[in-house]
C-alpha atoms as a PDB file:
ATOM      1  CA  MET A   1       0.000   0.000   0.000  1.00  0.00           C
ATOM      2  CA  ASN A   2       2.884   2.371   0.806  1.00  0.00           C
ATOM      3  CA  ASP A   3       4.340   1.848  -2.684  1.00  0.00           C
ATOM      4  CA  LEU A   4       0.961   2.594  -4.244  1.00  0.00           C
ATOM      5  CA  LEU A   5       0.558   5.794  -2.234  1.00  0.00           C
ATOM      6  CA  LEU A   6       4.120   6.902  -2.994  1.00  0.00           C
ATOM      7  CA  LYS A   7       3.544   6.289  -6.708  1.00  0.00           C
ATOM      8  CA  HIS A   8       0.547   8.632  -6.555  1.00  0.00           C
ATOM      9  CA  GLU A   9       2.127  11.232  -4.298  1.00  0.00           C
ATOM     10  CA  SER A  10       1.205  14.113  -6.627  1.00  0.00           C
ATOM     11  CA  ASN A  11      -2.444  12.965  -6.621  1.00  0.00           C
ATOM     12  CA  LEU A  12      -2.457  12.863  -2.818  1.00  0.00           C
ATOM     13  CA  ALA A  13      -1.726  16.582  -2.601  1.00  0.00           C
ATOM     14  CA  ALA A  14      -4.773  17.362  -4.737  1.00  0.00           C
ATOM     15  CA  LEU A  15      -7.299  15.078  -3.014  1.00  0.00           C
ATOM     16  CA  THR A  16     -10.763  16.396  -2.391  1.00  0.00           C
ATOM     17  CA  ASP A  17     -12.255  15.922   1.068  1.00  0.00           C
ATOM     18  CA  GLN A  18     -14.495  13.194  -0.338  1.00  0.00           C
ATOM     19  CA  GLN A  19     -11.582  11.334  -1.957  1.00  0.00           C
ATOM     20  CA  TYR A  20      -9.626  11.611   1.302  1.00  0.00           C
ATOM     21  CA  LYS A  21     -12.571  10.165   3.256  1.00  0.00           C
ATOM     22  CA  PHE A  22     -12.920   7.275   0.848  1.00  0.00           C
ATOM     23  CA  ILE A  23      -9.190   6.456   0.630  1.00  0.00           C
ATOM     24  CA  ASN A  24      -8.745   6.801   4.386  1.00  0.00           C
ATOM     25  CA  GLU A  25     -11.554   4.298   5.014  1.00  0.00           C
ATOM     26  CA  ALA A  26     -10.080   1.864   2.473  1.00  0.00           C
ATOM     27  CA  VAL A  27      -6.634   2.055   4.098  1.00  0.00           C
ATOM     28  CA  LEU A  28      -8.148   1.572   7.564  1.00  0.00           C
ATOM     29  CA  ALA A  29     -10.083  -1.451   6.301  1.00  0.00           C
ATOM     30  CA  LEU A  30      -6.848  -2.852   4.888  1.00  0.00           C
ATOM     31  CA  LEU A  31      -5.308  -2.702   8.349  1.00  0.00           C
ATOM     32  CA  HIS A  32      -8.195  -4.767   9.743  1.00  0.00           C
ATOM     33  CA  THR A  33      -8.333  -7.613   7.240  1.00  0.00           C
ATOM     34  CA  THR A  34      -6.318 -10.772   6.820  1.00  0.00           C
ATOM     35  CA  ASN A  35      -8.111 -11.942   3.685  1.00  0.00           C
ATOM     36  CA  GLU A  36      -5.776 -11.670   0.674  1.00  0.00           C
ATOM     37  CA  SER A  37      -8.634 -11.233  -1.808  1.00  0.00           C
ATOM     38  CA  LYS A  38     -10.136  -8.407   0.225  1.00  0.00           C
ATOM     39  CA  MET A  39      -6.705  -6.787   0.443  1.00  0.00           C
ATOM     40  CA  GLY A  40      -6.520  -6.864  -3.349  1.00  0.00           C
ATOM     41  CA  PHE A  41      -9.932  -5.233  -3.668  1.00  0.00           C
ATOM     42  CA  LEU A  42      -8.929  -2.558  -1.158  1.00  0.00           C
ATOM     43  CA  ARG A  43      -5.703  -1.827  -3.054  1.00  0.00           C
ATOM     44  CA  ASN A  44      -7.726  -1.488  -6.245  1.00  0.00           C
ATOM     45  CA  ALA A  45     -10.168   0.822  -4.444  1.00  0.00           C
ATOM     46  CA  VAL A  46      -7.370   3.091  -3.234  1.00  0.00           C
ATOM     47  CA  HIS A  47      -5.741   3.210  -6.674  1.00  0.00           C
ATOM     48  CA  ASN A  48      -9.050   3.860  -8.444  1.00  0.00           C
ATOM     49  CA  GLY A  49     -10.179   6.309  -5.762  1.00  0.00           C
ATOM     50  CA  LEU A  50      -7.092   8.433  -6.392  1.00  0.00           C
ATOM     51  CA  SER A  51      -8.088   8.893 -10.021  1.00  0.00           C
ATOM     52  CA  THR A  52     -11.858   9.072  -9.546  1.00  0.00           C
ATOM     53  CA  PRO A  53     -13.368  12.448 -10.328  1.00  0.00           C
ATOM     54  CA  GLU A  54     -14.915  14.279  -7.428  1.00  0.00           C
ATOM     55  CA  MET A  55     -17.507  12.297  -5.483  1.00  0.00           C
ATOM     56  CA  PRO A  56     -20.495  14.007  -3.896  1.00  0.00           C
ATOM     57  CA  ASP A  57     -20.397  13.915  -0.084  1.00  0.00           C
ATOM     58  CA  GLN A  58     -23.065  11.261   0.425  1.00  0.00           C
ATOM     59  CA  GLU A  59     -21.608   9.078  -2.321  1.00  0.00           C
ATOM     60  CA  ALA A  60     -18.206   9.151  -0.607  1.00  0.00           C
ATOM     61  CA  VAL A  61     -19.811   8.246   2.732  1.00  0.00           C
ATOM     62  CA  PHE A  62     -21.807   5.388   1.203  1.00  0.00           C
ATOM     63  CA  LEU A  63     -18.932   3.950  -0.831  1.00  0.00           C
ATOM     64  CA  SER A  64     -16.556   4.232   2.153  1.00  0.00           C
ATOM     65  CA  ARG A  65     -18.956   2.258   4.309  1.00  0.00           C
ATOM     66  CA  VAL A  66     -19.480  -0.414   1.680  1.00  0.00           C
ATOM     67  CA  ILE A  67     -15.746  -0.753   0.917  1.00  0.00           C
ATOM     68  CA  ARG A  68     -15.068  -1.189   4.620  1.00  0.00           C
ATOM     69  CA  ASP A  69     -17.777  -3.804   5.176  1.00  0.00           C
ATOM     70  CA  ILE A  70     -17.997  -5.787   1.930  1.00  0.00           C
ATOM     71  CA  SER A  71     -16.443  -9.237   1.964  1.00  0.00           C
ATOM     72  CA  ALA A  72     -14.237 -10.544  -0.824  1.00  0.00           C
ATOM     73  CA  ASP A  73     -16.936 -13.084  -1.739  1.00  0.00           C
ATOM     74  CA  GLU A  74     -19.546 -10.328  -1.959  1.00  0.00           C
ATOM     75  CA  ALA A  75     -17.260  -8.200  -4.133  1.00  0.00           C
ATOM     76  CA  GLN A  76     -16.554 -11.140  -6.456  1.00  0.00           C
ATOM     77  CA  PHE A  77     -20.266 -11.991  -6.676  1.00  0.00           C
ATOM     78  CA  LEU A  78     -21.125  -8.373  -7.482  1.00  0.00           C
ATOM     79  CA  ILE A  79     -18.543  -8.123 -10.254  1.00  0.00           C
ATOM     80  CA  ALA A  80     -19.439 -11.523 -11.722  1.00  0.00           C
ATOM     81  CA  ASN A  81     -23.218 -11.026 -11.669  1.00  0.00           C
ATOM     82  CA  PHE A  82     -23.749  -7.334 -12.342  1.00  0.00           C
ATOM     83  CA  ARG A  83     -24.763  -8.224 -15.896  1.00  0.00           C
ATOM     84  CA  TYR A  84     -28.066  -9.588 -14.569  1.00  0.00           C
ATOM     85  CA  GLU A  85     -30.864  -7.039 -14.464  1.00  0.00           C
ATOM     86  CA  ARG A  86     -32.812  -8.910 -11.792  1.00  0.00           C
ATOM     87  CA  ILE A  87     -32.210 -11.497  -9.067  1.00  0.00           C
ATOM     88  CA  TRP A  88     -34.810 -14.121  -8.249  1.00  0.00           C
ATOM     89  CA  PHE A  89     -34.185 -14.782  -4.533  1.00  0.00           C
ATOM     90  CA  ASN A  90     -36.384 -17.789  -3.869  1.00  0.00           C
ATOM     91  CA  GLU A  91     -36.325 -21.540  -3.300  1.00  0.00           C
ATOM     92  CA  THR A  92     -38.516 -22.153  -6.346  1.00  0.00           C
ATOM     93  CA  GLU A  93     -37.327 -21.950  -9.930  1.00  0.00           C
ATOM     94  CA  PRO A  94     -38.088 -18.661 -11.677  1.00  0.00           C
ATOM     95  CA  ALA A  95     -40.521 -18.407 -14.538  1.00  0.00           C
ATOM     96  CA  GLU A  96     -39.224 -17.428 -17.970  1.00  0.00           C
ATOM     97  CA  ARG A  97     -38.268 -13.729 -17.928  1.00  0.00           C
ATOM     98  CA  ASP A  98     -37.662 -11.132 -20.614  1.00  0.00           C
ATOM     99  CA  ARG A  99     -34.791  -9.623 -18.611  1.00  0.00           C
ATOM    100  CA  PRO A 100     -31.581 -11.464 -17.690  1.00  0.00           C
ATOM    101  CA  THR A 101     -32.395 -12.895 -14.257  1.00  0.00           C
ATOM    102  CA  LEU A 102     -30.118 -14.724 -11.827  1.00  0.00           C
ATOM    103  CA  ALA A 103     -31.783 -17.382  -9.656  1.00  0.00           C
ATOM    104  CA  VAL A 104     -30.384 -17.540  -6.116  1.00  0.00           C
ATOM    105  CA  LYS A 105     -31.672 -19.897  -3.442  1.00  0.00           C
ATOM    106  CA  PRO A 106     -31.703 -18.275   0.025  1.00  0.00           C
ATOM    107  CA  ASN A 107     -30.187 -21.258   1.893  1.00  0.00           C
ATOM    108  CA  THR A 108     -26.989 -21.340  -0.173  1.00  0.00           C
ATOM    109  CA  HIS A 109     -23.637 -19.566  -0.070  1.00  0.00           C
ATOM    110  CA  ASP A 110     -24.823 -17.260  -2.868  1.00  0.00           C
ATOM    111  CA  GLY A 111     -27.977 -16.678  -0.827  1.00  0.00           C
ATOM    112  CA  GLN A 112     -25.908 -15.443   2.111  1.00  0.00           C
ATOM    113  CA  ILE A 113     -23.927 -13.210  -0.236  1.00  0.00           C
ATOM    114  CA  THR A 114     -27.163 -11.827  -1.712  1.00  0.00           C
ATOM    115  CA  LEU A 115     -28.425 -10.991   1.781  1.00  0.00           C
ATOM    116  CA  GLY A 116     -25.120  -9.302   2.556  1.00  0.00           C
ATOM    117  CA  LEU A 117     -25.328  -7.130  -0.558  1.00  0.00           C
ATOM    118  CA  LEU A 118     -28.937  -6.303   0.268  1.00  0.00           C
ATOM    119  CA  THR A 119     -27.894  -5.246   3.778  1.00  0.00           C
ATOM    120  CA  LEU A 120     -25.064  -3.110   2.376  1.00  0.00           C
ATOM    121  CA  GLY A 121     -27.444  -1.280   0.059  1.00  0.00           C
ATOM    122  CA  VAL A 122     -25.926  -2.646  -3.137  1.00  0.00           C
ATOM    123  CA  LEU A 123     -29.094  -4.646  -3.887  1.00  0.00           C
ATOM    124  CA  THR A 124     -32.669  -3.470  -3.456  1.00  0.00           C
ATOM    125  CA  THR A 125     -36.128  -4.653  -4.350  1.00  0.00           C
ATOM    126  CA  ALA A 126     -37.113  -4.215  -7.970  1.00  0.00           C
ATOM    127  CA  GLU A 127     -39.883  -1.887  -8.999  1.00  0.00           C
ATOM    128  CA  PRO A 128     -43.279  -2.937  -7.620  1.00  0.00           C
ATOM    129  CA  THR A 129     -44.753  -3.755 -10.997  1.00  0.00           C
ATOM    130  CA  TRP A 130     -46.600  -6.889 -11.971  1.00  0.00           C
ATOM    131  CA  ASP A 131     -43.583  -8.068 -13.939  1.00  0.00           C
ATOM    132  CA  ASP A 132     -40.871  -7.479 -11.306  1.00  0.00           C
ATOM    133  CA  SER A 133     -42.674  -8.294  -8.057  1.00  0.00           C
ATOM    134  CA  GLY A 134     -40.485 -10.264  -5.701  1.00  0.00           C
ATOM    135  CA  LEU A 135     -37.269  -9.615  -7.612  1.00  0.00           C
ATOM    136  CA  LEU A 136     -34.120  -7.771  -6.563  1.00  0.00           C
ATOM    137  CA  ARG A 137     -31.959  -5.436  -8.626  1.00  0.00           C
ATOM    138  CA  PHE A 138     -28.597  -3.739  -8.229  1.00  0.00           C
ATOM    139  CA  THR A 139     -28.712  -0.143  -7.009  1.00  0.00           C
ATOM    140  CA  PRO A 140     -27.147   2.656  -9.063  1.00  0.00           C
ATOM    141  CA  MET A 141     -24.220   2.695  -6.609  1.00  0.00           C
ATOM    142  CA  ALA A 142     -23.284  -0.872  -7.593  1.00  0.00           C
ATOM    143  CA  ALA A 143     -21.692   0.280 -10.866  1.00  0.00           C
ATOM    144  CA  LYS A 144     -19.644   2.924  -9.025  1.00  0.00           C
ATOM    145  CA  LEU A 145     -18.560   0.335  -6.484  1.00  0.00           C
ATOM    146  CA  ILE A 146     -17.478  -2.073  -9.226  1.00  0.00           C
ATOM    147  CA  ALA A 147     -15.435   0.694 -10.884  1.00  0.00           C
ATOM    148  CA  LEU A 148     -13.567   1.123  -7.604  1.00  0.00           C
ATOM    149  CA  LEU A 149     -13.101  -2.601  -6.891  1.00  0.00           C
ATOM    150  CA  LYS A 150     -11.857  -3.711 -10.320  1.00  0.00           C
ATOM    151  CA  LYS A 151      -8.179  -3.840 -11.171  1.00  0.00           C
ATOM    152  CA  PRO A 152      -7.055  -0.542 -12.679  1.00  0.00           C
ATOM    153  CA  GLY A 153      -7.372  -0.645 -16.438  1.00  0.00           C
ATOM    154  CA  ALA A 154      -9.660  -3.716 -16.401  1.00  0.00           C
END
């Protein structure tokens, strides 16, 4: 992490308050984890956070909280499954859907991950329409989170 921060020393001098908040939280989270995968995501978040254009205050607060609390498995699930427009979170098989829909059974590992992302505010219930009742969808912040978690240049 020190090498990364030294490499971006000129960027550090020009940090906005929001970038500082976000990067500070990511570094603090790094000090509290022993999971190698999570460490990699946190390094990516710091690197990407240094080059991210200004974040609004609430966005920085939200993303800082999520970066701190998200597990490596949750981050990997988010990145791998963001292409789905809806998540069917149920024990039964989903009906045929027009939108790309991921079926997740609640009593599985992916079910626990889905609940974690829901708790973090990265997933939410879909619109209460006849077509999307009972489905989940990614929040608008999910794309911003993925941009921070992915390897730079990926």
